[in-house]
Amino acid sequence: MAIVGNKPETGARYELRRGEEGPPFVYEGRIALVDADLPVRATLLADGAVEVELPESEPWRKRVRLLLRTAGRQAVAEGTRPPRALRRWRAEK
């Protein structure tokens, strides 16, 4: 199913893109919530660690960190670079 509209009806949509350079890989984007957009910048380091810059609460930082850490681990397992873009929807918890 395609994503329609800028805001999710429920939950959160994570949209992150990285540049060509790396490692470290710097991702920038947003977390689209029903009632707000949160700007996010995250760095995936060569050792798999993730640093997240996000002006909001820790739960959002943790979710971004987990998404990028998983993408980094998959890339290492496949012998490729991490994805240029991540777009995920997650239900509210």
PDB file of N, CA and C in Angstrom:
ATOM      1  N   MET A   1       0.837  -1.171   0.000  1.00  0.00           N
ATOM      2  CA  MET A   1       0.000   0.000   0.000  1.00  0.00           C
ATOM      3  C   MET A   1       0.887   1.240   0.000  1.00  0.00           C
ATOM      4  N   ALA A   2       0.566   2.192  -0.813  1.00  0.00           N
ATOM      5  CA  ALA A   2       1.340   3.429  -0.912  1.00  0.00           C
ATOM      6  C   ALA A   2       1.033   4.353   0.257  1.00  0.00           C
ATOM      7  N   ILE A   3       1.997   5.199   0.569  1.00  0.00           N
ATOM      8  CA  ILE A   3       1.794   6.208   1.596  1.00  0.00           C
ATOM      9  C   ILE A   3       1.083   7.385   0.951  1.00  0.00           C
ATOM     10  N   VAL A   4      -0.018   7.800   1.558  1.00  0.00           N
ATOM     11  CA  VAL A   4      -0.802   8.907   1.027  1.00  0.00           C
ATOM     12  C   VAL A   4      -0.791  10.036   2.047  1.00  0.00           C
ATOM     13  N   GLY A   5      -0.423  11.232   1.633  1.00  0.00           N
ATOM     14  CA  GLY A   5      -0.435  12.383   2.526  1.00  0.00           C
ATOM     15  C   GLY A   5       0.871  12.553   3.269  1.00  0.00           C
ATOM     16  N   ASN A   6       0.981  13.704   3.924  1.00  0.00           N
ATOM     17  CA  ASN A   6       2.198  14.032   4.654  1.00  0.00           C
ATOM     18  C   ASN A   6       2.208  13.526   6.081  1.00  0.00           C
ATOM     19  N   LYS A   7       1.042  13.329   6.661  1.00  0.00           N
ATOM     20  CA  LYS A   7       0.940  12.925   8.061  1.00  0.00           C
ATOM     21  C   LYS A   7       0.288  11.552   8.161  1.00  0.00           C
ATOM     22  N   PRO A   8       0.761  10.729   9.089  1.00  0.00           N
ATOM     23  CA  PRO A   8       0.076   9.459   9.314  1.00  0.00           C
ATOM     24  C   PRO A   8      -1.234   9.703  10.076  1.00  0.00           C
ATOM     25  N   GLU A   9      -2.201   8.831   9.882  1.00  0.00           N
ATOM     26  CA  GLU A   9      -3.449   8.941  10.637  1.00  0.00           C
ATOM     27  C   GLU A   9      -3.254   8.484  12.070  1.00  0.00           C
ATOM     28  N   THR A  10      -2.328   7.549  12.265  1.00  0.00           N
ATOM     29  CA  THR A  10      -1.969   7.074  13.602  1.00  0.00           C
ATOM     30  C   THR A  10      -0.476   6.773  13.604  1.00  0.00           C
ATOM     31  N   GLY A  11       0.090   6.649  14.771  1.00  0.00           N
ATOM     32  CA  GLY A  11       1.486   6.248  14.887  1.00  0.00           C
ATOM     33  C   GLY A  11       2.457   7.311  14.405  1.00  0.00           C
ATOM     34  N   ALA A  12       3.607   6.851  13.910  1.00  0.00           N
ATOM     35  CA  ALA A  12       4.675   7.751  13.473  1.00  0.00           C
ATOM     36  C   ALA A  12       5.310   7.219  12.199  1.00  0.00           C
ATOM     37  N   ARG A  13       5.645   8.137  11.299  1.00  0.00           N
ATOM     38  CA  ARG A  13       6.352   7.785  10.068  1.00  0.00           C
ATOM     39  C   ARG A  13       7.768   8.345  10.174  1.00  0.00           C
ATOM     40  N   TYR A  14       8.749   7.461  10.039  1.00  0.00           N
ATOM     41  CA  TYR A  14      10.162   7.838  10.098  1.00  0.00           C
ATOM     42  C   TYR A  14      10.672   7.959   8.669  1.00  0.00           C
ATOM     43  N   GLU A  15      11.215   9.123   8.320  1.00  0.00           N
ATOM     44  CA  GLU A  15      11.751   9.370   6.981  1.00  0.00           C
ATOM     45  C   GLU A  15      13.161   9.919   7.130  1.00  0.00           C
ATOM     46  N   LEU A  16      14.149   9.130   6.749  1.00  0.00           N
ATOM     47  CA  LEU A  16      15.553   9.514   6.898  1.00  0.00           C
ATOM     48  C   LEU A  16      16.297   9.271   5.595  1.00  0.00           C
ATOM     49  N   ARG A  17      17.189  10.190   5.233  1.00  0.00           N
ATOM     50  CA  ARG A  17      18.044  10.050   4.044  1.00  0.00           C
ATOM     51  C   ARG A  17      19.469  10.380   4.428  1.00  0.00           C
ATOM     52  N   ARG A  18      20.402   9.705   3.746  1.00  0.00           N
ATOM     53  CA  ARG A  18      21.818   9.977   3.996  1.00  0.00           C
ATOM     54  C   ARG A  18      22.480  10.483   2.728  1.00  0.00           C
ATOM     55  N   GLY A  19      23.625  11.139   2.917  1.00  0.00           N
ATOM     56  CA  GLY A  19      24.419  11.593   1.788  1.00  0.00           C
ATOM     57  C   GLY A  19      25.292  10.466   1.265  1.00  0.00           C
ATOM     58  N   GLU A  20      26.137  10.781   0.314  1.00  0.00           N
ATOM     59  CA  GLU A  20      27.026   9.793  -0.304  1.00  0.00           C
ATOM     60  C   GLU A  20      28.210   9.426   0.583  1.00  0.00           C
ATOM     61  N   GLU A  21      28.630  10.348   1.433  1.00  0.00           N
ATOM     62  CA  GLU A  21      29.837  10.135   2.221  1.00  0.00           C
ATOM     63  C   GLU A  21      29.594   9.127   3.342  1.00  0.00           C
ATOM     64  N   GLY A  22      30.696   8.531   3.774  1.00  0.00           N
ATOM     65  CA  GLY A  22      30.620   7.668   4.948  1.00  0.00           C
ATOM     66  C   GLY A  22      31.513   6.471   4.792  1.00  0.00           C
ATOM     67  N   PRO A  23      31.825   5.775   5.834  1.00  0.00           N
ATOM     68  CA  PRO A  23      31.359   6.063   7.191  1.00  0.00           C
ATOM     69  C   PRO A  23      32.118   7.221   7.831  1.00  0.00           C
ATOM     70  N   PRO A  24      31.555   7.865   8.810  1.00  0.00           N
ATOM     71  CA  PRO A  24      30.200   7.668   9.335  1.00  0.00           C
ATOM     72  C   PRO A  24      29.144   8.158   8.340  1.00  0.00           C
ATOM     73  N   PHE A  25      27.973   7.546   8.419  1.00  0.00           N
ATOM     74  CA  PHE A  25      26.854   7.881   7.545  1.00  0.00           C
ATOM     75  C   PHE A  25      25.905   8.802   8.306  1.00  0.00           C
ATOM     76  N   VAL A  26      25.672   9.982   7.768  1.00  0.00           N
ATOM     77  CA  VAL A  26      24.811  10.966   8.428  1.00  0.00           C
ATOM     78  C   VAL A  26      23.444  10.957   7.751  1.00  0.00           C
ATOM     79  N   TYR A  27      22.430  10.677   8.543  1.00  0.00           N
ATOM     80  CA  TYR A  27      21.044  10.664   8.077  1.00  0.00           C
ATOM     81  C   TYR A  27      20.326  11.896   8.611  1.00  0.00           C
ATOM     82  N   GLU A  28      19.514  12.511   7.760  1.00  0.00           N
ATOM     83  CA  GLU A  28      18.681  13.633   8.175  1.00  0.00           C
ATOM     84  C   GLU A  28      17.267  13.385   7.688  1.00  0.00           C
ATOM     85  N   GLY A  29      16.311  13.896   8.433  1.00  0.00           N
ATOM     86  CA  GLY A  29      14.924  13.725   8.026  1.00  0.00           C
ATOM     87  C   GLY A  29      13.971  14.173   9.102  1.00  0.00           C
ATOM     88  N   ARG A  30      12.889  13.418   9.224  1.00  0.00           N
ATOM     89  CA  ARG A  30      11.854  13.796  10.177  1.00  0.00           C
ATOM     90  C   ARG A  30      11.119  12.575  10.686  1.00  0.00           C
ATOM     91  N   ILE A  31      10.459  12.799  11.797  1.00  0.00           N
ATOM     92  CA  ILE A  31       9.479  11.854  12.301  1.00  0.00           C
ATOM     93  C   ILE A  31       8.147  12.573  12.164  1.00  0.00           C
ATOM     94  N   ALA A  32       7.278  12.055  11.314  1.00  0.00           N
ATOM     95  CA  ALA A  32       5.968  12.665  11.101  1.00  0.00           C
ATOM     96  C   ALA A  32       4.979  12.019  12.064  1.00  0.00           C
ATOM     97  N   LEU A  33       4.422  12.837  12.928  1.00  0.00           N
ATOM     98  CA  LEU A  33       3.407  12.386  13.872  1.00  0.00           C
ATOM     99  C   LEU A  33       2.051  12.907  13.420  1.00  0.00           C
ATOM    100  N   VAL A  34       1.002  12.441  14.044  1.00  0.00           N
ATOM    101  CA  VAL A  34      -0.342  12.888  13.697  1.00  0.00           C
ATOM    102  C   VAL A  34      -0.450  14.407  13.830  1.00  0.00           C
ATOM    103  N   ASP A  35       0.153  14.971  14.870  1.00  0.00           N
ATOM    104  CA  ASP A  35      -0.016  16.392  15.164  1.00  0.00           C
ATOM    105  C   ASP A  35       1.271  17.217  15.115  1.00  0.00           C
ATOM    106  N   ALA A  36       2.381  16.636  14.667  1.00  0.00           N
ATOM    107  CA  ALA A  36       3.652  17.375  14.650  1.00  0.00           C
ATOM    108  C   ALA A  36       4.662  16.688  13.739  1.00  0.00           C
ATOM    109  N   ASP A  37       5.702  17.436  13.383  1.00  0.00           N
ATOM    110  CA  ASP A  37       6.872  16.899  12.685  1.00  0.00           C
ATOM    111  C   ASP A  37       8.083  17.167  13.556  1.00  0.00           C
ATOM    112  N   LEU A  38       8.897  16.150  13.772  1.00  0.00           N
ATOM    113  CA  LEU A  38      10.109  16.300  14.565  1.00  0.00           C
ATOM    114  C   LEU A  38      11.314  16.171  13.646  1.00  0.00           C
ATOM    115  N   PRO A  39      12.158  17.208  13.544  1.00  0.00           N
ATOM    116  CA  PRO A  39      13.374  17.080  12.742  1.00  0.00           C
ATOM    117  C   PRO A  39      14.352  16.150  13.440  1.00  0.00           C
ATOM    118  N   VAL A  40      15.055  15.340  12.664  1.00  0.00           N
ATOM    119  CA  VAL A  40      15.996  14.388  13.252  1.00  0.00           C
ATOM    120  C   VAL A  40      17.263  14.333  12.407  1.00  0.00           C
ATOM    121  N   ARG A  41      18.380  14.171  13.093  1.00  0.00           N
ATOM    122  CA  ARG A  41      19.683  13.960  12.452  1.00  0.00           C
ATOM    123  C   ARG A  41      20.340  12.832  13.236  1.00  0.00           C
ATOM    124  N   ALA A  42      20.820  11.829  12.524  1.00  0.00           N
ATOM    125  CA  ALA A  42      21.434  10.678  13.186  1.00  0.00           C
ATOM    126  C   ALA A  42      22.675  10.253  12.417  1.00  0.00           C
ATOM    127  N   THR A  43      23.649   9.750  13.157  1.00  0.00           N
ATOM    128  CA  THR A  43      24.906   9.315  12.559  1.00  0.00           C
ATOM    129  C   THR A  43      25.125   7.844  12.863  1.00  0.00           C
ATOM    130  N   LEU A  44      25.318   7.053  11.806  1.00  0.00           N
ATOM    131  CA  LEU A  44      25.650   5.637  11.928  1.00  0.00           C
ATOM    132  C   LEU A  44      27.162   5.526  11.795  1.00  0.00           C
ATOM    133  N   LEU A  45      27.823   5.159  12.880  1.00  0.00           N
ATOM    134  CA  LEU A  45      29.279   5.082  12.911  1.00  0.00           C
ATOM    135  C   LEU A  45      29.773   3.754  12.354  1.00  0.00           C
ATOM    136  N   ALA A  46      31.046   3.685  12.025  1.00  0.00           N
ATOM    137  CA  ALA A  46      31.635   2.483  11.427  1.00  0.00           C
ATOM    138  C   ALA A  46      31.505   1.265  12.329  1.00  0.00           C
ATOM    139  N   ASP A  47      31.505   1.455  13.650  1.00  0.00           N
ATOM    140  CA  ASP A  47      31.401   0.324  14.582  1.00  0.00           C
ATOM    141  C   ASP A  47      29.958  -0.100  14.848  1.00  0.00           C
ATOM    142  N   GLY A  48      28.989   0.556  14.184  1.00  0.00           N
ATOM    143  CA  GLY A  48      27.582   0.204  14.348  1.00  0.00           C
ATOM    144  C   GLY A  48      26.848   1.042  15.371  1.00  0.00           C
ATOM    145  N   ALA A  49      27.566   1.863  16.114  1.00  0.00           N
ATOM    146  CA  ALA A  49      26.911   2.738  17.087  1.00  0.00           C
ATOM    147  C   ALA A  49      26.136   3.826  16.350  1.00  0.00           C
ATOM    148  N   VAL A  50      25.086   4.316  16.992  1.00  0.00           N
ATOM    149  CA  VAL A  50      24.243   5.348  16.393  1.00  0.00           C
ATOM    150  C   VAL A  50      24.108   6.513  17.370  1.00  0.00           C
ATOM    151  N   GLU A  51      24.363   7.719  16.870  1.00  0.00           N
ATOM    152  CA  GLU A  51      24.170   8.944  17.647  1.00  0.00           C
ATOM    153  C   GLU A  51      22.989   9.685  17.045  1.00  0.00           C
ATOM    154  N   VAL A  52      22.043  10.092  17.897  1.00  0.00           N
ATOM    155  CA  VAL A  52      20.818  10.734  17.414  1.00  0.00           C
ATOM    156  C   VAL A  52      20.686  12.137  17.998  1.00  0.00           C
ATOM    157  N   GLU A  53      20.431  13.110  17.118  1.00  0.00           N
ATOM    158  CA  GLU A  53      20.133  14.484  17.532  1.00  0.00           C
ATOM    159  C   GLU A  53      18.657  14.725  17.251  1.00  0.00           C
ATOM    160  N   LEU A  54      17.908  14.889  18.324  1.00  0.00           N
ATOM    161  CA  LEU A  54      16.467  15.051  18.206  1.00  0.00           C
ATOM    162  C   LEU A  54      16.005  15.929  19.358  1.00  0.00           C
ATOM    163  N   PRO A  55      15.266  17.005  19.081  1.00  0.00           N
ATOM    164  CA  PRO A  55      14.902  17.929  20.146  1.00  0.00           C
ATOM    165  C   PRO A  55      13.836  17.404  21.097  1.00  0.00           C
ATOM    166  N   GLU A  56      13.288  16.266  20.837  1.00  0.00           N
ATOM    167  CA  GLU A  56      12.196  15.759  21.669  1.00  0.00           C
ATOM    168  C   GLU A  56      12.656  14.646  22.611  1.00  0.00           C
ATOM    169  N   SER A  57      11.710  13.942  23.148  1.00  0.00           N
ATOM    170  CA  SER A  57      11.931  12.980  24.227  1.00  0.00           C
ATOM    171  C   SER A  57      12.734  11.743  23.827  1.00  0.00           C
ATOM    172  N   GLU A  58      13.224  11.074  24.838  1.00  0.00           N
ATOM    173  CA  GLU A  58      14.061   9.886  24.674  1.00  0.00           C
ATOM    174  C   GLU A  58      13.383   8.748  23.903  1.00  0.00           C
ATOM    175  N   PRO A  59      12.086   8.490  24.066  1.00  0.00           N
ATOM    176  CA  PRO A  59      11.498   7.381  23.290  1.00  0.00           C
ATOM    177  C   PRO A  59      11.696   7.531  21.782  1.00  0.00           C
ATOM    178  N   TRP A  60      11.605   8.751  21.254  1.00  0.00           N
ATOM    179  CA  TRP A  60      11.819   8.944  19.812  1.00  0.00           C
ATOM    180  C   TRP A  60      13.273   8.706  19.444  1.00  0.00           C
ATOM    181  N   ARG A  61      14.203   9.165  20.276  1.00  0.00           N
ATOM    182  CA  ARG A  61      15.632   8.915  20.020  1.00  0.00           C
ATOM    183  C   ARG A  61      15.907   7.416  19.976  1.00  0.00           C
ATOM    184  N   LYS A  62      15.335   6.707  20.927  1.00  0.00           N
ATOM    185  CA  LYS A  62      15.560   5.260  21.012  1.00  0.00           C
ATOM    186  C   LYS A  62      15.049   4.557  19.757  1.00  0.00           C
ATOM    187  N   ARG A  63      13.892   4.941  19.276  1.00  0.00           N
ATOM    188  CA  ARG A  63      13.323   4.291  18.091  1.00  0.00           C
ATOM    189  C   ARG A  63      14.165   4.557  16.846  1.00  0.00           C
ATOM    190  N   VAL A  64      14.646   5.794  16.691  1.00  0.00           N
ATOM    191  CA  VAL A  64      15.515   6.106  15.550  1.00  0.00           C
ATOM    192  C   VAL A  64      16.812   5.318  15.658  1.00  0.00           C
ATOM    193  N   ARG A  65      17.378   5.255  16.853  1.00  0.00           N
ATOM    194  CA  ARG A  65      18.625   4.507  17.068  1.00  0.00           C
ATOM    195  C   ARG A  65      18.441   3.037  16.692  1.00  0.00           C
ATOM    196  N   LEU A  66      17.330   2.436  17.089  1.00  0.00           N
ATOM    197  CA  LEU A  66      17.079   1.027  16.772  1.00  0.00           C
ATOM    198  C   LEU A  66      16.897   0.805  15.268  1.00  0.00           C
ATOM    199  N   LEU A  67      16.176   1.702  14.595  1.00  0.00           N
ATOM    200  CA  LEU A  67      15.996   1.573  13.140  1.00  0.00           C
ATOM    201  C   LEU A  67      17.330   1.611  12.404  1.00  0.00           C
ATOM    202  N   LEU A  68      18.176   2.583  12.756  1.00  0.00           N
ATOM    203  CA  LEU A  68      19.466   2.708  12.066  1.00  0.00           C
ATOM    204  C   LEU A  68      20.427   1.592  12.445  1.00  0.00           C
ATOM    205  N   ARG A  69      20.399   1.177  13.687  1.00  0.00           N
ATOM    206  CA  ARG A  69      21.276   0.080  14.102  1.00  0.00           C
ATOM    207  C   ARG A  69      20.924  -1.195  13.338  1.00  0.00           C
ATOM    208  N   THR A  70      19.641  -1.469  13.183  1.00  0.00           N
ATOM    209  CA  THR A  70      19.201  -2.638  12.425  1.00  0.00           C
ATOM    210  C   THR A  70      19.630  -2.536  10.965  1.00  0.00           C
ATOM    211  N   ALA A  71      19.448  -1.361  10.362  1.00  0.00           N
ATOM    212  CA  ALA A  71      19.864  -1.163   8.966  1.00  0.00           C
ATOM    213  C   ALA A  71      21.369  -1.347   8.819  1.00  0.00           C
ATOM    214  N   GLY A  72      22.137  -0.852   9.777  1.00  0.00           N
ATOM    215  CA  GLY A  72      23.592  -1.010   9.747  1.00  0.00           C
ATOM    216  C   GLY A  72      24.014  -2.461   9.858  1.00  0.00           C
ATOM    217  N   ARG A  73      23.378  -3.197  10.743  1.00  0.00           N
ATOM    218  CA  ARG A  73      23.712  -4.620  10.909  1.00  0.00           C
ATOM    219  C   ARG A  73      23.380  -5.419   9.654  1.00  0.00           C
ATOM    220  N   GLN A  74      22.254  -5.121   9.033  1.00  0.00           N
ATOM    221  CA  GLN A  74      21.890  -5.816   7.799  1.00  0.00           C
ATOM    222  C   GLN A  74      22.897  -5.527   6.698  1.00  0.00           C
ATOM    223  N   ALA A  75      23.340  -4.288   6.606  1.00  0.00           N
ATOM    224  CA  ALA A  75      24.327  -3.925   5.582  1.00  0.00           C
ATOM    225  C   ALA A  75      25.636  -4.669   5.803  1.00  0.00           C
ATOM    226  N   VAL A  76      26.085  -4.763   7.045  1.00  0.00           N
ATOM    227  CA  VAL A  76      27.320  -5.490   7.350  1.00  0.00           C
ATOM    228  C   VAL A  76      27.160  -6.962   6.983  1.00  0.00           C
ATOM    229  N   ALA A  77      26.025  -7.559   7.342  1.00  0.00           N
ATOM    230  CA  ALA A  77      25.784  -8.974   7.050  1.00  0.00           C
ATOM    231  C   ALA A  77      25.760  -9.250   5.543  1.00  0.00           C
ATOM    232  N   GLU A  78      25.277  -8.277   4.765  1.00  0.00           N
ATOM    233  CA  GLU A  78      25.187  -8.439   3.312  1.00  0.00           C
ATOM    234  C   GLU A  78      26.425  -7.933   2.583  1.00  0.00           C
ATOM    235  N   GLY A  79      27.337  -7.297   3.306  1.00  0.00           N
ATOM    236  CA  GLY A  79      28.541  -6.757   2.681  1.00  0.00           C
ATOM    237  C   GLY A  79      28.270  -5.539   1.811  1.00  0.00           C
ATOM    238  N   THR A  80      27.266  -4.751   2.176  1.00  0.00           N
ATOM    239  CA  THR A  80      26.892  -3.563   1.408  1.00  0.00           C
ATOM    240  C   THR A  80      26.942  -2.319   2.289  1.00  0.00           C
ATOM    241  N   ARG A  81      26.686  -1.180   1.663  1.00  0.00           N
ATOM    242  CA  ARG A  81      26.573   0.058   2.428  1.00  0.00           C
ATOM    243  C   ARG A  81      25.155   0.160   2.984  1.00  0.00           C
ATOM    244  N   PRO A  82      24.972   0.915   4.056  1.00  0.00           N
ATOM    245  CA  PRO A  82      23.614   1.091   4.594  1.00  0.00           C
ATOM    246  C   PRO A  82      22.702   1.758   3.567  1.00  0.00           C
ATOM    247  N   PRO A  83      21.403   1.592   3.712  1.00  0.00           N
ATOM    248  CA  PRO A  83      20.478   2.171   2.736  1.00  0.00           C
ATOM    249  C   PRO A  83      20.577   3.693   2.691  1.00  0.00           C
ATOM    250  N   ARG A  84      20.351   4.248   1.507  1.00  0.00           N
ATOM    251  CA  ARG A  84      20.365   5.710   1.361  1.00  0.00           C
ATOM    252  C   ARG A  84      19.167   6.353   2.031  1.00  0.00           C
ATOM    253  N   ALA A  85      18.069   5.628   2.064  1.00  0.00           N
ATOM    254  CA  ALA A  85      16.852   6.181   2.654  1.00  0.00           C
ATOM    255  C   ALA A  85      16.146   5.114   3.474  1.00  0.00           C
ATOM    256  N   LEU A  86      15.556   5.550   4.560  1.00  0.00           N
ATOM    257  CA  LEU A  86      14.714   4.692   5.387  1.00  0.00           C
ATOM    258  C   LEU A  86      13.361   5.370   5.516  1.00  0.00           C
ATOM    259  N   ARG A  87      12.320   4.619   5.279  1.00  0.00           N
ATOM    260  CA  ARG A  87      10.961   5.127   5.456  1.00  0.00           C
ATOM    261  C   ARG A  87      10.164   4.013   6.116  1.00  0.00           C
ATOM    262  N   ARG A  88       9.808   4.252   7.356  1.00  0.00           N
ATOM    263  CA  ARG A  88       9.106   3.230   8.134  1.00  0.00           C
ATOM    264  C   ARG A  88       7.940   3.860   8.876  1.00  0.00           C
ATOM    265  N   TRP A  89       6.893   3.079   9.054  1.00  0.00           N
ATOM    266  CA  TRP A  89       5.779   3.490   9.893  1.00  0.00           C
ATOM    267  C   TRP A  89       5.765   2.575  11.104  1.00  0.00           C
ATOM    268  N   ARG A  90       5.514   3.139  12.253  1.00  0.00           N
ATOM    269  CA  ARG A  90       5.411   2.361  13.482  1.00  0.00           C
ATOM    270  C   ARG A  90       4.153   2.796  14.228  1.00  0.00           C
ATOM    271  N   ALA A  91       3.463   1.821  14.795  1.00  0.00           N
ATOM    272  CA  ALA A  91       2.265   2.107  15.581  1.00  0.00           C
ATOM    273  C   ALA A  91       2.642   2.806  16.882  1.00  0.00           C
ATOM    274  N   GLU A  92       1.689   3.482  17.462  1.00  0.00           N
ATOM    275  CA  GLU A  92       1.919   4.114  18.762  1.00  0.00           C
ATOM    276  C   GLU A  92       2.054   3.042  19.820  1.00  0.00           C
ATOM    277  N   LYS A  93       2.887   3.333  20.813  1.00  0.00           N
ATOM    278  CA  LYS A  93       3.045   2.383  21.925  1.00  0.00           C
ATOM    279  C   LYS A  93       2.722   3.061  23.218  1.00  0.00           C
TER     280      LYS A  93
END
